[in-house]
Each structure stands twice: as C-alpha cells, then as structure tokens.
Amino acid sequence: MKLNTTAPLLPLSSETDLCLYLLREELKNWKFFNHLRLAGLDGTSYQTDLSTAILLLAGFSDDNHDIHNFYYHLMEKLGNQMQSAEEAVKYALIAYGEIMNRREK
C-alpha cells in the first residue's frame, strides 16, 4: 500500500525529529568507520561525534559521564547489529527509545 501524503506518520516535536535524524547519521557514520577499522584503516580523526548534541536534545546534562558511556556502548551494539544503511531509521528509533528509558530512571 502506497501512502500519498507528505504529512509525517507520527507527530514528533522538532527536538525529537532532530534527535532521530542525528542518531540515524551517527549510526551510519559508526558503521562506516567501523568497516574502515576492520580494513586496517584509521579514520578516527575524521569521525564526527554527535553524542553531546544528541544527549542534550534528549534532556541530559553535558557533564554526565555515565550517560556518555551508556551512549557509546549503545552505538557500538546497535551499529554492529545494523546490516545496511537502510536499517538506520529502525536502529535510530531503537536507540532513541533506549536513551529515553535511561532518562526516566
């Protein structure tokens, strides 16, 4: 079934929408640079780190080291599970849910 609409399927706040976009891009970047590492290439000086922007949008303070560690482990786990760039939206939603659950604790 094809939808003929330009309206979003879920009404999201602009902060949530931006956070999901950044998570999607972060996961794709993580996957790309992980493949470079596996091929024996070091591109870490070119790798972007969107963690601070994402976590601030999600409502965390910038100095929370525990959430940063959680975030990096989450990106590593989901980046390894993601098989293709087409799955980035799915894994961004999973990551967002995990981050928001962590915020509520």
N, C-alpha and C. Protein backbone atom coordinates (compact mmCIF):
# COMPACT_ATOMS: atom_id res chain seq x y z
N MET A 1 0.84 -1.17 0.00
CA MET A 1 0.00 0.00 0.00
C MET A 1 0.89 1.24 0.00
N LYS A 2 0.64 2.11 -0.92
CA LYS A 2 1.42 3.34 -1.02
C LYS A 2 0.62 4.49 -0.44
N LEU A 3 1.26 5.26 0.44
CA LEU A 3 0.62 6.42 1.03
C LEU A 3 0.93 7.66 0.20
N ASN A 4 -0.11 8.40 -0.13
CA ASN A 4 0.06 9.64 -0.88
C ASN A 4 -0.10 10.82 0.07
N THR A 5 0.88 11.00 0.92
CA THR A 5 0.82 12.08 1.88
C THR A 5 2.22 12.61 2.15
N THR A 6 2.28 13.88 2.44
CA THR A 6 3.56 14.46 2.84
C THR A 6 3.60 14.67 4.34
N ALA A 7 2.48 14.39 5.02
CA ALA A 7 2.43 14.54 6.47
C ALA A 7 3.17 13.39 7.14
N PRO A 8 3.84 13.67 8.25
CA PRO A 8 4.54 12.59 8.96
C PRO A 8 3.55 11.59 9.53
N LEU A 9 3.98 10.33 9.62
CA LEU A 9 3.12 9.30 10.18
C LEU A 9 2.95 9.46 11.68
N LEU A 10 3.96 9.98 12.34
CA LEU A 10 3.90 10.25 13.78
C LEU A 10 4.19 11.72 14.01
N PRO A 11 3.33 12.39 14.77
CA PRO A 11 3.65 13.79 15.07
C PRO A 11 4.78 13.86 16.09
N LEU A 12 5.91 14.41 15.68
CA LEU A 12 7.09 14.50 16.54
C LEU A 12 7.45 15.95 16.77
N SER A 13 7.96 16.23 17.95
CA SER A 13 8.47 17.58 18.20
C SER A 13 9.71 17.79 17.35
N SER A 14 10.06 19.03 17.13
CA SER A 14 11.25 19.30 16.31
C SER A 14 12.51 18.77 16.99
N GLU A 15 12.56 18.80 18.34
CA GLU A 15 13.71 18.25 19.06
C GLU A 15 13.82 16.75 18.86
N THR A 16 12.69 16.05 18.94
CA THR A 16 12.69 14.60 18.74
C THR A 16 13.08 14.26 17.32
N ASP A 17 12.53 14.99 16.37
CA ASP A 17 12.83 14.75 14.96
C ASP A 17 14.32 14.96 14.69
N LEU A 18 14.88 16.03 15.22
CA LEU A 18 16.31 16.31 15.05
C LEU A 18 17.16 15.24 15.73
N CYS A 19 16.76 14.83 16.92
CA CYS A 19 17.49 13.80 17.65
C CYS A 19 17.50 12.49 16.86
N LEU A 20 16.36 12.10 16.29
CA LEU A 20 16.30 10.88 15.49
C LEU A 20 17.16 11.00 14.24
N TYR A 21 17.14 12.16 13.60
CA TYR A 21 17.98 12.38 12.43
C TYR A 21 19.46 12.23 12.78
N LEU A 22 19.88 12.86 13.89
CA LEU A 22 21.28 12.79 14.31
C LEU A 22 21.67 11.37 14.69
N LEU A 23 20.77 10.65 15.36
CA LEU A 23 21.05 9.25 15.71
C LEU A 23 21.22 8.41 14.45
N ARG A 24 20.36 8.63 13.47
CA ARG A 24 20.47 7.89 12.20
C ARG A 24 21.83 8.14 11.55
N GLU A 25 22.23 9.39 11.49
CA GLU A 25 23.51 9.73 10.88
C GLU A 25 24.68 9.20 11.71
N GLU A 26 24.57 9.26 13.02
CA GLU A 26 25.62 8.75 13.90
C GLU A 26 25.81 7.24 13.69
N LEU A 27 24.71 6.51 13.58
CA LEU A 27 24.80 5.06 13.37
C LEU A 27 25.44 4.74 12.02
N LYS A 28 25.06 5.47 10.99
CA LYS A 28 25.67 5.23 9.67
C LYS A 28 27.16 5.56 9.70
N ASN A 29 27.52 6.65 10.35
CA ASN A 29 28.94 7.00 10.48
C ASN A 29 29.70 5.96 11.28
N TRP A 30 29.10 5.51 12.38
CA TRP A 30 29.76 4.49 13.20
C TRP A 30 30.01 3.23 12.37
N LYS A 31 29.01 2.82 11.60
CA LYS A 31 29.15 1.62 10.77
C LYS A 31 30.27 1.81 9.75
N PHE A 32 30.30 2.96 9.09
CA PHE A 32 31.32 3.24 8.08
C PHE A 32 32.72 3.21 8.67
N PHE A 33 32.92 3.92 9.78
CA PHE A 33 34.25 3.97 10.38
C PHE A 33 34.64 2.64 11.01
N ASN A 34 33.68 1.86 11.45
CA ASN A 34 33.99 0.51 11.95
C ASN A 34 34.49 -0.37 10.81
N HIS A 35 33.89 -0.24 9.63
CA HIS A 35 34.38 -1.00 8.47
C HIS A 35 35.80 -0.56 8.09
N LEU A 36 36.08 0.72 8.18
CA LEU A 36 37.44 1.20 7.93
C LEU A 36 38.42 0.57 8.91
N ARG A 37 38.05 0.54 10.20
CA ARG A 37 38.93 -0.06 11.22
C ARG A 37 39.17 -1.53 10.92
N LEU A 38 38.11 -2.24 10.53
CA LEU A 38 38.25 -3.67 10.21
C LEU A 38 39.15 -3.89 9.00
N ALA A 39 39.20 -2.91 8.10
CA ALA A 39 40.06 -3.00 6.92
C ALA A 39 41.48 -2.53 7.22
N GLY A 40 41.73 -2.15 8.47
CA GLY A 40 43.07 -1.72 8.86
C GLY A 40 43.35 -0.24 8.64
N LEU A 41 42.32 0.54 8.40
CA LEU A 41 42.48 1.98 8.17
C LEU A 41 42.01 2.76 9.40
N ASP A 42 42.70 3.84 9.70
CA ASP A 42 42.32 4.65 10.85
C ASP A 42 41.77 5.98 10.36
N GLY A 43 40.48 6.16 10.50
CA GLY A 43 39.85 7.41 10.10
C GLY A 43 39.27 8.17 11.27
N THR A 44 39.71 7.83 12.49
CA THR A 44 39.11 8.42 13.68
C THR A 44 39.23 9.94 13.74
N SER A 45 40.27 10.49 13.15
CA SER A 45 40.40 11.95 13.20
C SER A 45 39.35 12.64 12.32
N TYR A 46 38.69 11.90 11.45
CA TYR A 46 37.65 12.46 10.59
C TYR A 46 36.25 12.10 11.05
N GLN A 47 36.14 11.25 12.06
CA GLN A 47 34.83 10.78 12.52
C GLN A 47 34.15 11.85 13.36
N THR A 48 32.90 12.13 13.04
CA THR A 48 32.14 13.10 13.82
C THR A 48 31.65 12.45 15.11
N ASP A 49 31.46 13.26 16.12
CA ASP A 49 30.92 12.79 17.40
C ASP A 49 29.71 13.66 17.71
N LEU A 50 28.54 13.09 17.50
CA LEU A 50 27.30 13.82 17.71
C LEU A 50 26.70 13.56 19.08
N SER A 51 27.42 12.85 19.93
CA SER A 51 26.86 12.42 21.22
C SER A 51 26.38 13.59 22.08
N THR A 52 27.17 14.64 22.18
CA THR A 52 26.78 15.76 23.04
C THR A 52 25.50 16.41 22.54
N ALA A 53 25.41 16.66 21.24
CA ALA A 53 24.20 17.26 20.68
C ALA A 53 22.99 16.36 20.89
N ILE A 54 23.15 15.07 20.65
CA ILE A 54 22.04 14.12 20.80
C ILE A 54 21.59 14.06 22.25
N LEU A 55 22.53 13.94 23.16
CA LEU A 55 22.17 13.80 24.58
C LEU A 55 21.58 15.09 25.15
N LEU A 56 22.05 16.24 24.70
CA LEU A 56 21.44 17.50 25.14
C LEU A 56 20.01 17.61 24.62
N LEU A 57 19.78 17.23 23.37
CA LEU A 57 18.42 17.24 22.82
C LEU A 57 17.51 16.28 23.57
N ALA A 58 18.08 15.19 24.07
CA ALA A 58 17.30 14.19 24.80
C ALA A 58 17.07 14.59 26.26
N GLY A 59 17.68 15.69 26.70
CA GLY A 59 17.42 16.19 28.04
C GLY A 59 18.46 15.87 29.09
N PHE A 60 19.63 15.42 28.68
CA PHE A 60 20.71 15.12 29.63
C PHE A 60 21.66 16.31 29.73
N SER A 61 22.34 16.40 30.87
CA SER A 61 23.33 17.45 31.04
C SER A 61 24.62 17.03 30.33
N ASP A 62 25.41 18.02 29.97
CA ASP A 62 26.63 17.78 29.21
C ASP A 62 27.71 17.07 30.03
N ASP A 63 27.65 17.17 31.34
CA ASP A 63 28.72 16.62 32.18
C ASP A 63 28.40 15.25 32.76
N ASN A 64 27.40 14.57 32.24
CA ASN A 64 27.01 13.26 32.76
C ASN A 64 27.83 12.17 32.06
N HIS A 65 28.91 11.74 32.70
CA HIS A 65 29.81 10.75 32.10
C HIS A 65 29.17 9.38 31.98
N ASP A 66 28.30 9.02 32.92
CA ASP A 66 27.63 7.72 32.86
C ASP A 66 26.77 7.59 31.61
N ILE A 67 26.04 8.65 31.28
CA ILE A 67 25.17 8.57 30.09
C ILE A 67 26.02 8.55 28.82
N HIS A 68 27.16 9.22 28.83
CA HIS A 68 28.04 9.16 27.66
C HIS A 68 28.58 7.75 27.46
N ASN A 69 28.97 7.09 28.54
CA ASN A 69 29.43 5.70 28.43
C ASN A 69 28.31 4.80 27.93
N PHE A 70 27.11 4.98 28.49
CA PHE A 70 25.94 4.22 28.04
C PHE A 70 25.71 4.44 26.54
N TYR A 71 25.79 5.71 26.12
CA TYR A 71 25.56 6.08 24.73
C TYR A 71 26.56 5.38 23.80
N TYR A 72 27.85 5.42 24.14
CA TYR A 72 28.86 4.81 23.28
C TYR A 72 28.69 3.30 23.19
N HIS A 73 28.34 2.66 24.29
CA HIS A 73 28.08 1.21 24.26
C HIS A 73 26.84 0.90 23.42
N LEU A 74 25.84 1.76 23.52
CA LEU A 74 24.62 1.58 22.73
C LEU A 74 24.91 1.73 21.24
N MET A 75 25.69 2.75 20.87
CA MET A 75 26.04 2.94 19.46
C MET A 75 26.84 1.76 18.93
N GLU A 76 27.75 1.26 19.73
CA GLU A 76 28.54 0.10 19.32
C GLU A 76 27.65 -1.12 19.12
N LYS A 77 26.76 -1.37 20.06
CA LYS A 77 25.87 -2.53 19.97
C LYS A 77 24.95 -2.44 18.76
N LEU A 78 24.27 -1.30 18.61
CA LEU A 78 23.33 -1.14 17.50
C LEU A 78 24.04 -1.04 16.16
N GLY A 79 25.20 -0.40 16.15
CA GLY A 79 25.98 -0.33 14.91
C GLY A 79 26.41 -1.70 14.43
N ASN A 80 26.73 -2.58 15.36
CA ASN A 80 27.09 -3.95 14.98
C ASN A 80 25.89 -4.74 14.49
N GLN A 81 24.72 -4.47 15.04
CA GLN A 81 23.51 -5.18 14.63
C GLN A 81 23.00 -4.70 13.27
N MET A 82 23.20 -3.43 12.97
CA MET A 82 22.70 -2.84 11.73
C MET A 82 23.44 -3.45 10.54
N GLN A 83 22.70 -3.99 9.60
CA GLN A 83 23.30 -4.65 8.44
C GLN A 83 23.48 -3.73 7.24
N SER A 84 22.63 -2.71 7.13
CA SER A 84 22.74 -1.81 5.97
C SER A 84 22.28 -0.41 6.37
N ALA A 85 22.62 0.56 5.54
CA ALA A 85 22.24 1.95 5.81
C ALA A 85 20.72 2.12 5.79
N GLU A 86 20.03 1.26 5.06
CA GLU A 86 18.57 1.33 5.00
C GLU A 86 17.93 1.04 6.35
N GLU A 87 18.64 0.33 7.22
CA GLU A 87 18.12 0.00 8.54
C GLU A 87 18.41 1.09 9.57
N ALA A 88 19.06 2.16 9.17
CA ALA A 88 19.47 3.19 10.12
C ALA A 88 18.29 3.84 10.82
N VAL A 89 17.18 4.03 10.13
CA VAL A 89 16.00 4.64 10.76
C VAL A 89 15.47 3.73 11.86
N LYS A 90 15.38 2.46 11.57
CA LYS A 90 14.91 1.48 12.57
C LYS A 90 15.80 1.51 13.81
N TYR A 91 17.10 1.48 13.62
CA TYR A 91 18.01 1.46 14.76
C TYR A 91 18.09 2.81 15.47
N ALA A 92 17.84 3.89 14.75
CA ALA A 92 17.77 5.21 15.40
C ALA A 92 16.58 5.26 16.35
N LEU A 93 15.46 4.68 15.94
CA LEU A 93 14.28 4.62 16.81
C LEU A 93 14.55 3.77 18.04
N ILE A 94 15.23 2.65 17.84
CA ILE A 94 15.60 1.79 18.98
C ILE A 94 16.52 2.55 19.93
N ALA A 95 17.52 3.22 19.37
CA ALA A 95 18.46 3.98 20.20
C ALA A 95 17.74 5.08 20.96
N TYR A 96 16.84 5.78 20.29
CA TYR A 96 16.10 6.86 20.94
C TYR A 96 15.28 6.31 22.11
N GLY A 97 14.62 5.19 21.90
CA GLY A 97 13.85 4.56 22.98
C GLY A 97 14.72 4.18 24.16
N GLU A 98 15.88 3.61 23.88
CA GLU A 98 16.82 3.23 24.95
C GLU A 98 17.31 4.46 25.72
N ILE A 99 17.61 5.51 25.00
CA ILE A 99 18.09 6.74 25.64
C ILE A 99 17.00 7.36 26.50
N MET A 100 15.77 7.41 25.99
CA MET A 100 14.68 7.99 26.75
C MET A 100 14.35 7.14 27.98
N ASN A 101 14.44 5.82 27.85
CA ASN A 101 14.24 4.96 29.02
C ASN A 101 15.30 5.22 30.07
N ARG A 102 16.51 5.46 29.65
CA ARG A 102 17.61 5.76 30.58
C ARG A 102 17.36 7.08 31.30
N ARG A 103 16.77 8.03 30.59
CA ARG A 103 16.49 9.34 31.19
C ARG A 103 15.44 9.24 32.30
N GLU A 104 14.49 8.33 32.12
CA GLU A 104 13.40 8.19 33.08
C GLU A 104 13.81 7.45 34.34
N LYS A 105 15.00 6.83 34.35
CA LYS A 105 15.45 6.09 35.54
C LYS A 105 15.91 7.02 36.63
